[in-house]
């Protein structure tokens, strides 16, 4: 059962530091008022020191303590992205069925698919094209889309479309990709295939005008691009014309035609996602070459004369990611990898590909061409479903029955900064055998100190914060029973520096800076959990790529790093 949480709101002073407002002066024990300071860190340390000998607490009961560990594993197993014609028929059907499920899901207006497709429109286009952020933003965008597909079916992993396999055909418009077996017809409204009859967010038919302009990507272009040594040689506007990846990518959009041939509508066609997955696959090979030369791709980010493409600008529609975050190797190290590209003679063992022995290149079969006979049937990848966010909760010491549990949100804003990778978190306690890795793996410590009772709760947050993200943690406060429990809530980072607390103002529908003092009562409506298991099962999912929305049940959030 959950109960009411009352937040004591304070104001943010002009200097930008937290200070106690007069709104709650009378609610604080007088001894805490001595700690008011414009320096948030000094104030935090002063308040915490008062709990060393809290003789002013009216509650004369025994001291209660609880120590908890919360683990967040984003992707314990890497998923594998493959060329679309390499998927088994069952895998391909699962993927397109998941896309159609998003299209028919009206939980976001006008549908989940259209809502996310609309990210790639208007002002956002200026920051995701025409410069350095092109690579990283689209990497994160298709990853977010893939996460949505996996909510429908955890076995689904986005495939990529290697259009080189079509470029080398005598007539690329006759590729099997433009048939009912794959993505439907290439001319006019889509009438066959899994997306037949689709209408876009503007309520007009999804159409294509295949081959009128543009062209698929060539083997020659990719070879030339991969021969370059630095990003400025492949990035708009600094690259040579013959190795400009964004320009080449534009020609494929034009080749498909219809909505794909316009920045503001291209993501309305499912071809968008598989085309950009291939661009990402080729870029990943380029980044691997940088790493082999001991160059971090983030250190090779091309600085251009555009505010939209500054490395530390927040990504449009993908907050809290910054442009530079898209260049992190975290994603290829931990979340996904690409299978090898098609090579003769096996050509991925796909019945939809064949080897052109005159050029030693793999090409697609044509629409009416018999499928190639292969020695072994395509095999389903059986581990992709394991690549999903997971979390765990462990009681380290103390009695969990003395407490109730309030959800909080911890936002890690600048996770790619090196200082977060400090080996040991400051303020860690020794909790005995079996917990030796607690201090080295924790990225934050959540703590509550009772103001109306003797007691401390501490939760160690174990998480790989190699990218900006948020987690939903829980903080314990003494069960208020028929009365009230008041506590000071804090979150500290690896250097024992306090994270900045924000309290929810539902009337204004936004968070305001506050000191992190909360009061709990048992008044309806229900807003906290009585047990850790109930808190764990309360529906606060861990997935940093979820759309970030204001949740009225999260009354307190902390901004870290």
Protein backbone atom coordinates (compact mmCIF):
# COMPACT_ATOMS: atom_id res chain seq x y z
CA UNK A 1 0.00 0.00 0.00
CA UNK A 2 1.20 3.51 -0.76
CA UNK A 3 0.45 6.72 1.19
CA UNK A 4 0.69 10.47 0.87
CA UNK A 5 4.02 12.21 0.53
CA UNK A 6 4.15 15.90 1.41
CA UNK A 7 7.12 17.84 0.05
CA UNK A 8 8.34 20.95 1.88
CA UNK A 9 9.18 23.35 -0.94
CA UNK A 10 12.00 25.89 -0.87
CA UNK A 11 13.21 28.45 -3.35
CA UNK A 12 16.38 28.79 -5.41
CA UNK A 13 18.27 31.96 -4.52
CA UNK A 14 19.58 34.32 -7.20
CA UNK A 15 23.14 33.04 -6.90
CA UNK A 16 22.13 29.57 -8.09
CA UNK A 17 22.88 27.79 -4.78
CA UNK A 18 20.31 26.09 -2.59
CA UNK A 19 19.19 27.86 0.57
CA UNK A 20 16.41 27.26 3.06
CA UNK A 21 13.39 29.48 2.44
CA UNK A 22 11.12 30.98 5.06
CA UNK A 23 8.40 28.65 3.83
CA UNK A 24 9.80 25.83 5.93
CA UNK A 25 11.76 27.70 8.61
CA UNK A 26 9.27 26.81 11.31
CA UNK A 27 9.32 23.15 10.32
CA UNK A 28 13.05 22.71 10.89
CA UNK A 29 14.47 21.96 14.32
CA UNK A 30 16.30 25.11 15.33
CA UNK A 31 19.69 23.42 15.32
CA UNK A 32 19.44 22.76 11.57
CA UNK A 33 18.76 26.41 10.85
CA UNK A 34 22.34 27.13 11.85
CA UNK A 35 23.43 25.34 8.67
CA UNK A 36 21.78 27.66 6.18
CA UNK A 37 24.41 28.64 3.63
CA UNK A 38 24.51 29.78 0.04
CA UNK A 39 27.14 27.13 -0.59
CA UNK A 40 25.08 23.97 -1.09
CA UNK A 41 27.96 21.65 -0.21
CA UNK A 42 28.72 23.46 3.06
CA UNK A 43 25.03 23.41 3.98
CA UNK A 44 24.80 19.68 3.26
CA UNK A 45 27.83 18.82 5.39
CA UNK A 46 26.63 21.01 8.25
CA UNK A 47 23.15 19.43 8.28
CA UNK A 48 24.62 15.94 8.17
CA UNK A 49 26.94 16.70 11.11
CA UNK A 50 23.92 17.49 13.29
CA UNK A 51 22.78 13.89 13.06
CA UNK A 52 25.92 12.65 14.83
CA UNK A 53 24.32 13.52 18.18
CA UNK A 54 20.66 14.30 17.50
CA UNK A 55 19.53 14.89 21.09
CA UNK A 56 16.92 17.30 19.78
CA UNK A 57 14.90 14.51 18.17
CA UNK A 58 11.71 14.02 20.21
CA UNK A 59 11.41 10.33 19.30
CA UNK A 60 13.05 8.39 22.15
CA UNK A 61 12.78 4.97 20.52
CA UNK A 62 15.77 2.84 19.59
CA UNK A 63 17.89 3.81 16.60
CA UNK A 64 16.79 2.06 13.40
CA UNK A 65 19.03 1.38 10.43
CA UNK A 66 18.71 -0.25 7.02
CA UNK A 67 21.31 -0.79 4.31
CA UNK A 68 20.24 -1.74 0.78
CA UNK A 69 21.93 -2.29 -2.58
CA UNK A 70 20.14 -1.47 -5.85
CA UNK A 71 21.72 -2.81 -9.05
CA UNK A 72 20.93 -1.55 -12.52
CA UNK A 73 22.20 -3.58 -15.48
CA UNK A 74 21.32 -1.95 -18.75
CA UNK A 75 22.36 -4.69 -21.17
CA UNK A 76 24.18 -7.69 -19.70
CA UNK A 77 24.25 -9.34 -23.14
CA UNK A 78 24.98 -7.58 -26.41
CA UNK A 79 22.33 -7.89 -29.11
CA UNK A 80 23.41 -8.60 -32.70
CA UNK A 81 22.16 -6.54 -35.63
CA UNK A 82 22.24 -8.28 -39.01
CA UNK A 83 21.44 -7.46 -42.62
CA UNK A 84 17.69 -7.70 -43.21
CA UNK A 85 18.09 -10.48 -45.76
CA UNK A 86 20.08 -12.49 -43.22
CA UNK A 87 17.17 -12.76 -40.77
CA UNK A 88 15.11 -15.91 -40.67
CA UNK A 89 11.59 -15.43 -41.96
CA UNK A 90 10.34 -15.77 -38.36
CA UNK A 91 12.74 -13.07 -37.11
CA UNK A 92 11.78 -10.72 -39.92
CA UNK A 93 8.07 -11.19 -39.23
CA UNK A 94 8.60 -10.49 -35.53
CA UNK A 95 10.39 -7.25 -36.36
CA UNK A 96 7.76 -5.90 -38.78
CA UNK A 97 4.96 -7.06 -36.48
CA UNK A 98 6.55 -5.02 -33.67
CA UNK A 99 6.74 -1.97 -35.97
CA UNK A 100 3.06 -2.38 -36.81
CA UNK A 101 2.23 -2.73 -33.11
CA UNK A 102 3.87 0.66 -32.45
CA UNK A 103 1.91 2.08 -35.39
CA UNK A 104 -1.35 0.83 -33.89
CA UNK A 105 -0.52 1.75 -30.28
CA UNK A 106 -2.51 4.92 -29.47
CA UNK A 107 -1.06 5.45 -25.98
CA UNK A 108 0.82 8.41 -27.52
CA UNK A 109 -0.82 10.67 -30.09
CA UNK A 110 -1.48 9.81 -32.85
CA UNK A 111 0.45 6.57 -32.30
CA UNK A 112 3.68 5.58 -30.60
CA UNK A 113 5.36 5.12 -33.98
CA UNK A 114 4.26 8.50 -35.31
CA UNK A 115 5.08 10.27 -32.05
CA UNK A 116 8.69 9.06 -32.19
CA UNK A 117 8.92 9.55 -35.96
CA UNK A 118 8.04 13.20 -35.38
CA UNK A 119 11.32 13.70 -33.47
CA UNK A 120 13.00 14.01 -36.87
CA UNK A 121 11.24 17.22 -37.89
CA UNK A 122 11.38 21.00 -37.90
CA UNK A 123 14.06 22.60 -35.69
CA UNK A 124 15.61 19.23 -34.80
CA UNK A 125 16.64 18.73 -38.43
CA UNK A 126 19.13 21.61 -38.11
CA UNK A 127 20.99 19.87 -35.30
CA UNK A 128 20.89 16.30 -36.62
CA UNK A 129 21.97 17.09 -40.19
CA UNK A 130 24.59 19.30 -41.83
CA UNK A 131 27.33 18.60 -39.31
CA UNK A 132 29.13 16.49 -36.73
CA UNK A 133 26.03 15.49 -34.74
CA UNK A 134 24.65 13.58 -37.74
CA UNK A 135 26.39 10.36 -36.71
CA UNK A 136 25.74 10.36 -32.97
CA UNK A 137 22.17 11.64 -32.94
CA UNK A 138 20.97 9.07 -35.45
CA UNK A 139 22.78 6.33 -33.50
CA UNK A 140 20.79 7.26 -30.41
CA UNK A 141 17.55 7.76 -32.35
CA UNK A 142 17.52 4.28 -33.90
CA UNK A 143 18.58 2.81 -30.55
CA UNK A 144 15.58 4.46 -28.89
CA UNK A 145 13.34 3.11 -31.66
CA UNK A 146 14.83 -0.36 -31.24
CA UNK A 147 14.12 -0.21 -27.49
CA UNK A 148 10.47 0.54 -28.28
CA UNK A 149 10.34 -2.49 -30.58
CA UNK A 150 11.82 -4.63 -27.83
CA UNK A 151 9.12 -3.52 -25.41
CA UNK A 152 6.69 -5.18 -27.81
CA UNK A 153 8.87 -8.26 -28.32
CA UNK A 154 12.19 -8.64 -26.46
CA UNK A 155 13.49 -10.96 -29.20
CA UNK A 156 13.40 -8.16 -31.79
CA UNK A 157 16.59 -6.45 -32.90
CA UNK A 158 16.60 -3.92 -35.71
CA UNK A 159 18.13 -5.17 -38.96
CA UNK A 160 20.20 -3.00 -41.28
CA UNK A 161 19.83 -2.52 -45.03
CA UNK A 162 23.17 -2.77 -46.81
CA UNK A 163 22.16 -0.96 -49.99
CA UNK A 164 25.50 -1.84 -51.61
CA UNK A 165 23.93 -5.23 -52.26
CA UNK A 166 21.37 -3.46 -54.46
CA UNK A 167 23.67 -0.86 -56.00
CA UNK A 168 25.66 -3.55 -57.76
CA UNK A 169 22.56 -5.05 -59.45
CA UNK A 170 21.80 -4.34 -63.11
CA UNK A 171 18.58 -2.64 -61.91
CA UNK A 172 18.51 -1.84 -58.17
CA UNK A 173 14.77 -1.06 -58.30
CA UNK A 174 14.13 -4.77 -58.88
CA UNK A 175 15.69 -5.77 -55.57
CA UNK A 176 13.81 -8.25 -53.41
CA UNK A 177 13.76 -5.53 -50.72
CA UNK A 178 10.94 -3.84 -52.66
CA UNK A 179 8.56 -6.78 -52.61
CA UNK A 180 5.90 -8.16 -50.29
CA UNK A 181 8.56 -10.47 -48.80
CA UNK A 182 10.34 -7.46 -47.28
CA UNK A 183 9.34 -3.78 -47.19
CA UNK A 184 6.70 -3.58 -49.90
CA UNK A 185 6.42 -1.96 -53.31
CA UNK A 186 8.69 0.87 -54.37
CA UNK A 187 6.27 2.87 -56.52
CA UNK A 188 3.17 4.77 -55.39
CA UNK A 189 1.17 4.12 -52.22
CA UNK A 190 2.31 1.03 -50.32
CA UNK A 191 -0.13 -1.71 -51.25
CA UNK A 192 1.80 -4.90 -50.56
CA UNK A 193 4.03 -6.12 -47.77
CA UNK A 194 3.88 -5.60 -44.00
CA UNK A 195 3.20 -1.85 -44.26
CA UNK A 196 0.45 -1.96 -46.86
CA UNK A 197 -2.16 0.71 -46.36
CA UNK A 198 -0.06 2.78 -43.95
CA UNK A 199 -0.97 6.41 -43.46
CA UNK A 200 1.52 8.89 -42.05
CA UNK A 201 1.20 11.25 -39.11
CA UNK A 202 -0.32 13.76 -41.56
CA UNK A 203 -3.00 11.16 -42.42
CA UNK A 204 -1.84 10.76 -46.02
CA UNK A 205 -0.74 7.47 -47.63
CA UNK A 206 2.85 6.30 -47.27
CA UNK A 207 4.27 6.47 -50.80
CA UNK A 208 7.55 5.82 -52.61
CA UNK A 209 8.99 6.84 -55.95
CA UNK A 210 11.79 4.33 -56.24
CA UNK A 211 14.70 5.11 -58.55
CA UNK A 212 13.47 8.46 -59.87
CA UNK A 213 16.52 10.18 -58.36
CA UNK A 214 19.38 9.20 -56.07
CA UNK A 215 21.07 5.82 -55.80
CA UNK A 216 22.07 3.15 -53.30
CA UNK A 217 25.48 3.25 -51.63
CA UNK A 218 28.36 1.72 -53.61
CA UNK A 219 31.16 -0.57 -52.47
CA UNK A 220 33.59 2.01 -53.82
CA UNK A 221 32.20 4.76 -51.60
CA UNK A 222 32.44 2.69 -48.42
CA UNK A 223 35.99 1.60 -49.26
CA UNK A 224 36.98 5.23 -49.78
CA UNK A 225 35.31 6.37 -46.60
CA UNK A 226 36.98 3.65 -44.52
CA UNK A 227 40.37 4.64 -45.94
CA UNK A 228 40.18 7.99 -44.13
CA UNK A 229 41.89 8.60 -40.79
CA UNK A 230 39.75 11.24 -39.05
CA UNK A 231 36.15 12.36 -38.77
CA UNK A 232 36.69 15.70 -40.47
CA UNK A 233 37.44 13.72 -43.65
CA UNK A 234 33.96 12.10 -43.71
CA UNK A 235 31.81 14.78 -42.01
CA UNK A 236 29.73 17.62 -43.44
CA UNK A 237 30.92 20.31 -44.19
CA UNK A 238 34.64 19.53 -43.84
CA UNK A 239 34.99 16.34 -45.89
CA UNK A 240 35.87 15.82 -49.53
CA UNK A 241 32.79 15.25 -51.73
CA UNK A 242 33.73 11.65 -52.50
CA UNK A 243 33.83 10.63 -48.82
CA UNK A 244 31.00 12.74 -47.38
CA UNK A 245 28.84 10.18 -45.57
CA UNK A 246 25.87 12.46 -45.00
CA UNK A 247 25.67 13.43 -48.67
CA UNK A 248 25.87 9.79 -49.73
CA UNK A 249 23.18 8.90 -47.21
CA UNK A 250 20.96 11.63 -48.72
CA UNK A 251 21.13 9.93 -52.13
CA UNK A 252 19.63 6.76 -50.66
CA UNK A 253 16.75 8.78 -49.19
CA UNK A 254 16.19 10.24 -52.65
CA UNK A 255 16.40 6.78 -54.23
CA UNK A 256 13.47 5.55 -52.11
CA UNK A 257 11.53 8.75 -52.78
CA UNK A 258 8.18 9.73 -51.36
CA UNK A 259 8.29 10.64 -47.67
CA UNK A 260 11.86 9.32 -47.47
CA UNK A 261 13.03 12.14 -49.73
CA UNK A 262 12.23 14.88 -47.22
CA UNK A 263 13.98 15.44 -43.87
CA UNK A 264 10.70 16.30 -42.16
CA UNK A 265 8.90 13.13 -43.25
CA UNK A 266 11.61 10.52 -43.85
CA UNK A 267 11.19 8.70 -40.53
CA UNK A 268 7.54 7.99 -41.42
CA UNK A 269 8.78 5.24 -43.77
CA UNK A 270 10.19 2.14 -42.00
CA UNK A 271 13.01 2.15 -44.56
CA UNK A 272 14.41 5.07 -42.55
CA UNK A 273 15.42 2.89 -39.60
CA UNK A 274 17.15 0.12 -41.54
CA UNK A 275 18.95 2.62 -43.78
CA UNK A 276 20.32 4.50 -40.77
CA UNK A 277 21.24 1.24 -39.06
CA UNK A 278 23.57 0.56 -42.00
CA UNK A 279 25.06 4.06 -41.80
CA UNK A 280 25.69 3.37 -38.13
CA UNK A 281 27.24 -0.02 -38.93
CA UNK A 282 29.70 1.52 -41.38
CA UNK A 283 30.47 4.35 -38.94
CA UNK A 284 31.17 1.78 -36.23
CA UNK A 285 33.78 0.18 -38.50
CA UNK A 286 35.34 3.62 -38.97
CA UNK A 287 35.40 4.15 -35.19
CA UNK A 288 36.98 0.73 -34.66
CA UNK A 289 39.82 1.82 -36.91
CA UNK A 290 40.27 4.95 -34.79
CA UNK A 291 40.42 2.89 -31.61
CA UNK A 292 43.00 0.56 -33.14
CA UNK A 293 45.17 3.67 -33.56
CA UNK A 294 44.51 4.60 -29.89
CA UNK A 295 42.16 7.45 -30.83
CA UNK A 296 38.96 7.81 -28.83
CA UNK A 297 36.17 8.74 -31.30
CA UNK A 298 35.00 11.40 -28.85
CA UNK A 299 38.40 13.06 -29.04
CA UNK A 300 38.06 13.10 -32.84
CA UNK A 301 34.73 14.99 -32.86
CA UNK A 302 34.82 17.59 -35.65
CA UNK A 303 34.28 21.14 -34.40
CA UNK A 304 32.39 23.22 -36.97
CA UNK A 305 30.95 26.73 -36.99
CA UNK A 306 27.44 25.78 -35.88
CA UNK A 307 25.88 26.13 -32.44
CA UNK A 308 23.65 23.13 -33.22
CA UNK A 309 26.67 20.84 -33.55
CA UNK A 310 28.69 21.93 -30.52
CA UNK A 311 29.88 18.80 -28.71
CA UNK A 312 28.30 19.57 -25.32
CA UNK A 313 24.96 20.85 -26.59
CA UNK A 314 22.03 18.72 -25.43
CA UNK A 315 20.62 16.57 -28.22
CA UNK A 316 17.25 17.73 -29.53
CA UNK A 317 14.46 15.35 -28.45
CA UNK A 318 16.96 13.02 -26.72
CA UNK A 319 17.73 14.80 -23.43
CA UNK A 320 19.86 14.27 -21.33
CA UNK A 321 22.19 13.08 -24.08
CA UNK A 322 24.70 15.59 -25.46
CA UNK A 323 26.04 15.61 -29.00
CA UNK A 324 29.41 14.22 -27.90
CA UNK A 325 27.71 11.32 -26.11
CA UNK A 326 26.71 9.77 -29.43
CA UNK A 327 30.41 9.22 -30.15
CA UNK A 328 30.90 7.12 -27.00
CA UNK A 329 32.06 3.54 -27.45
CA UNK A 330 29.73 2.50 -24.63
CA UNK A 331 27.06 1.40 -27.06
CA UNK A 332 29.20 -0.94 -29.14
CA UNK A 333 30.94 -2.23 -26.02
CA UNK A 334 27.81 -3.02 -24.05
CA UNK A 335 24.55 -2.87 -25.99
CA UNK A 336 24.83 -4.08 -29.58
CA UNK A 337 27.19 -5.14 -32.30
CA UNK A 338 26.91 -5.63 -36.04
CA UNK A 339 27.39 -8.95 -37.74
CA UNK A 340 29.93 -9.08 -40.54
CA UNK A 341 28.99 -7.64 -43.91
CA UNK A 342 28.19 -9.95 -46.81
CA UNK A 343 31.18 -11.47 -48.62
CA UNK A 344 31.49 -13.93 -51.47
CA UNK A 345 30.99 -16.79 -51.80
CA UNK A 346 28.73 -17.35 -48.76
CA UNK A 347 26.94 -13.96 -48.91
CA UNK A 348 25.67 -14.37 -45.33
CA UNK A 349 24.24 -17.75 -46.28
CA UNK A 350 21.10 -15.89 -47.32
CA UNK A 351 18.75 -17.31 -49.98
CA UNK A 352 18.01 -13.68 -50.94
CA UNK A 353 21.64 -12.88 -51.84
CA UNK A 354 24.05 -14.31 -54.38
CA UNK A 355 27.69 -13.88 -55.37
CA UNK A 356 28.53 -11.98 -58.53
CA UNK A 357 31.70 -13.92 -59.34
CA UNK A 358 32.78 -11.47 -62.03
CA UNK A 359 33.29 -8.77 -59.39
CA UNK A 360 33.50 -10.98 -56.29
CA UNK A 361 30.69 -8.93 -54.71
CA UNK A 362 27.45 -10.06 -53.11
CA UNK A 363 24.23 -8.75 -54.66
CA UNK A 364 20.52 -9.07 -53.98
CA UNK A 365 18.33 -11.41 -55.96
CA UNK A 366 15.62 -9.76 -58.05
CA UNK A 367 11.93 -9.64 -57.18
CA UNK A 368 10.89 -12.57 -59.41
CA UNK A 369 14.13 -14.50 -59.18
CA UNK A 370 14.12 -17.89 -57.42
CA UNK A 371 15.70 -17.90 -54.01
CA UNK A 372 19.26 -19.15 -53.90
CA UNK A 373 19.75 -22.65 -52.59
CA UNK A 374 22.00 -22.62 -49.53
CA UNK A 375 23.68 -25.51 -47.78
CA UNK A 376 22.46 -24.51 -44.32
CA UNK A 377 19.24 -22.67 -43.46
CA UNK A 378 19.48 -19.30 -41.75
CA UNK A 379 19.65 -19.58 -37.98
CA UNK A 380 17.79 -17.60 -35.40
CA UNK A 381 19.88 -15.71 -32.85
CA UNK A 382 18.81 -17.06 -29.47
CA UNK A 383 20.50 -14.48 -27.20
CA UNK A 384 19.03 -11.18 -28.41
CA UNK A 385 16.21 -11.33 -25.85
CA UNK A 386 18.80 -11.18 -23.05
CA UNK A 387 19.90 -7.69 -24.10
CA UNK A 388 17.40 -5.81 -21.98
CA UNK A 389 17.50 -3.51 -18.94
CA UNK A 390 17.49 -5.35 -15.64
CA UNK A 391 17.68 -4.38 -11.99
CA UNK A 392 18.05 -6.02 -8.60
CA UNK A 393 17.45 -5.20 -4.96
CA UNK A 394 19.36 -6.65 -1.99
CA UNK A 395 19.00 -6.00 1.76
CA UNK A 396 22.51 -5.74 3.20
CA UNK A 397 21.69 -5.18 6.88
CA UNK A 398 18.86 -4.02 9.12
CA UNK A 399 15.12 -4.71 9.42
CA UNK A 400 13.09 -3.58 6.42
CA UNK A 401 9.83 -3.75 8.39
CA UNK A 402 10.50 -0.49 10.24
CA UNK A 403 10.36 1.51 7.02
CA UNK A 404 8.21 2.67 4.14
CA UNK A 405 9.72 3.39 0.73
CA UNK A 406 9.47 6.51 -1.41
CA UNK A 407 10.50 6.49 -5.10
CA UNK A 408 13.04 9.08 -6.23
CA UNK A 409 14.69 9.75 -9.56
CA UNK A 410 18.45 10.11 -9.96
CA UNK A 411 19.52 11.87 -13.14
CA UNK A 412 23.12 11.37 -14.25
CA UNK A 413 23.74 14.31 -16.53
CA UNK A 414 27.41 14.25 -17.58
CA UNK A 415 28.23 10.58 -17.25
CA UNK A 416 30.92 10.55 -19.93
CA UNK A 417 33.20 12.80 -17.91
CA UNK A 418 36.24 10.91 -16.72
CA UNK A 419 35.87 11.78 -13.01
CA UNK A 420 32.82 9.53 -12.65
CA UNK A 421 35.09 6.52 -13.19
CA UNK A 422 36.75 6.96 -9.76
CA UNK A 423 37.50 3.48 -8.42
CA UNK A 424 35.90 3.84 -4.97
CA UNK A 425 32.88 5.86 -3.87
CA UNK A 426 33.49 8.16 -0.90
CA UNK A 427 31.49 7.52 2.26
CA UNK A 428 31.16 3.79 1.67
CA UNK A 429 30.77 1.57 4.75
CA UNK A 430 32.39 -1.81 5.32
CA UNK A 431 29.52 -4.29 5.43
CA UNK A 432 31.46 -7.50 5.77
CA UNK A 433 32.36 -10.50 3.64
CA UNK A 434 30.63 -10.74 0.27
CA UNK A 435 30.23 -7.00 -0.18
CA UNK A 436 33.78 -6.13 -1.18
CA UNK A 437 32.78 -4.77 -4.58
CA UNK A 438 30.12 -2.44 -3.18
CA UNK A 439 32.45 0.53 -2.77
CA UNK A 440 34.08 0.12 -6.17
CA UNK A 441 30.89 -0.40 -8.20
CA UNK A 442 28.57 2.17 -6.60
CA UNK A 443 27.95 5.39 -8.49
CA UNK A 444 25.78 7.08 -5.86
CA UNK A 445 24.62 6.67 -2.27
CA UNK A 446 21.02 7.45 -1.35
CA UNK A 447 20.53 8.30 2.31
CA UNK A 448 17.77 9.41 4.68
CA UNK A 449 18.38 10.81 8.16
CA UNK A 450 15.41 11.01 10.50
CA UNK A 451 14.45 14.43 11.84
CA UNK A 452 11.48 13.23 13.92
CA UNK A 453 13.04 9.84 14.70
CA UNK A 454 16.42 8.21 15.31
CA UNK A 455 17.36 6.33 12.17
CA UNK A 456 19.34 6.20 8.94
CA UNK A 457 18.65 4.47 5.66
CA UNK A 458 21.31 4.04 3.02
CA UNK A 459 21.04 2.56 -0.47
CA UNK A 460 24.06 1.93 -2.68
CA UNK A 461 23.26 2.49 -6.36
CA UNK A 462 25.34 0.17 -8.53
CA UNK A 463 25.19 1.20 -12.17
CA UNK A 464 27.41 1.62 -15.22
CA UNK A 465 27.04 5.36 -15.73
CA UNK A 466 29.00 5.53 -18.96
CA UNK A 467 26.17 7.43 -20.61
CA UNK A 468 23.74 10.07 -19.35
CA UNK A 469 20.69 8.37 -17.93
CA UNK A 470 18.31 8.18 -15.01
CA UNK A 471 17.37 5.49 -12.53
CA UNK A 472 14.40 5.16 -10.20
CA UNK A 473 15.69 4.38 -6.72
CA UNK A 474 13.87 4.06 -3.40
CA UNK A 475 14.57 5.81 -0.12
CA UNK A 476 13.45 4.42 3.22
CA UNK A 477 11.71 6.60 5.81
CA UNK A 478 10.38 5.40 9.15
CA UNK A 479 6.79 4.18 8.92
CA UNK A 480 4.74 7.21 10.07
CA UNK A 481 1.92 5.11 11.50
CA UNK A 482 -0.88 7.46 12.63
CA UNK A 483 1.54 10.39 12.95
CA UNK A 484 4.24 11.93 10.77
CA UNK A 485 7.81 11.04 9.84
CA UNK A 486 10.15 13.78 8.68
CA UNK A 487 13.57 13.11 7.16
CA UNK A 488 16.45 14.74 5.33
CA UNK A 489 17.05 12.96 2.00
CA UNK A 490 20.39 13.18 0.21
CA UNK A 491 22.19 11.57 -2.72
CA UNK A 492 25.96 11.81 -2.98
CA UNK A 493 28.37 11.00 -5.80
CA UNK A 494 31.73 9.25 -5.81
CA UNK A 495 33.42 12.28 -4.22
CA UNK A 496 30.79 12.56 -1.47
CA UNK A 497 29.45 15.70 -3.12
CA UNK A 498 25.70 16.22 -2.77
CA UNK A 499 23.55 15.85 -5.84
CA UNK A 500 21.15 18.75 -6.35
CA UNK A 501 17.62 17.96 -5.07
CA UNK A 502 14.44 19.07 -6.82
CA UNK A 503 10.88 18.84 -5.46
CA UNK A 504 7.81 18.48 -7.64
CA UNK A 505 5.35 21.34 -7.92
CA UNK A 506 2.34 19.72 -9.55
CA UNK A 507 0.50 23.04 -10.03
CA UNK A 508 3.39 24.37 -12.11
CA UNK A 509 4.07 20.86 -13.49
CA UNK A 510 7.80 21.17 -12.93
CA UNK A 511 10.48 20.59 -10.33
CA UNK A 512 11.89 23.35 -8.11
CA UNK A 513 15.17 23.33 -6.21
CA UNK A 514 14.68 22.30 -2.59
CA UNK A 515 16.72 21.03 0.42
CA UNK A 516 15.46 17.45 0.23
CA UNK A 517 13.44 17.48 3.47
CA UNK A 518 10.21 15.53 3.24
CA UNK A 519 7.33 14.75 5.59
CA UNK A 520 5.29 11.56 5.37
CA UNK A 521 1.79 11.00 6.68
CA UNK A 522 -0.70 8.19 6.21
CA UNK A 523 -3.22 10.45 4.55
CA UNK A 524 -4.74 9.41 1.24
CA UNK A 525 -3.99 9.33 -1.69
CA UNK A 526 -1.54 6.49 -1.45
CA UNK A 527 1.97 7.50 -2.47
CA UNK A 528 4.55 5.17 -0.87
CA UNK A 529 5.23 1.46 -0.58
CA UNK A 530 5.15 -0.47 2.68
CA UNK A 531 7.67 -3.13 1.65
CA UNK A 532 10.79 -3.23 -0.50
CA UNK A 533 9.25 -5.90 -2.69
CA UNK A 534 6.20 -3.73 -3.25
CA UNK A 535 8.50 -0.84 -4.13
CA UNK A 536 10.50 -3.06 -6.48
CA UNK A 537 7.30 -4.15 -8.26
CA UNK A 538 5.71 -0.71 -8.36
CA UNK A 539 6.20 -0.16 -12.09
CA UNK A 540 9.09 2.30 -12.17
CA UNK A 541 10.89 0.70 -15.09
CA UNK A 542 14.60 1.14 -15.64
CA UNK A 543 15.32 2.08 -19.23
CA UNK A 544 17.36 5.23 -19.93
CA UNK A 545 16.05 5.34 -23.49
CA UNK A 546 12.42 5.64 -22.45
CA UNK A 547 10.72 8.92 -23.26
CA UNK A 548 11.29 11.10 -20.19
CA UNK A 549 7.93 12.30 -18.88
CA UNK A 550 6.82 14.02 -15.69
CA UNK A 551 5.63 11.32 -13.31
CA UNK A 552 3.43 12.73 -10.51
CA UNK A 553 4.48 9.87 -8.22
CA UNK A 554 8.11 11.02 -8.28
CA UNK A 555 8.05 13.87 -5.77
CA UNK A 556 11.80 14.19 -5.39
CA UNK A 557 14.58 13.98 -7.96
CA UNK A 558 18.33 14.51 -7.78
CA UNK A 559 20.65 15.87 -10.44
CA UNK A 560 24.12 14.32 -10.18
CA UNK A 561 27.46 14.81 -11.87
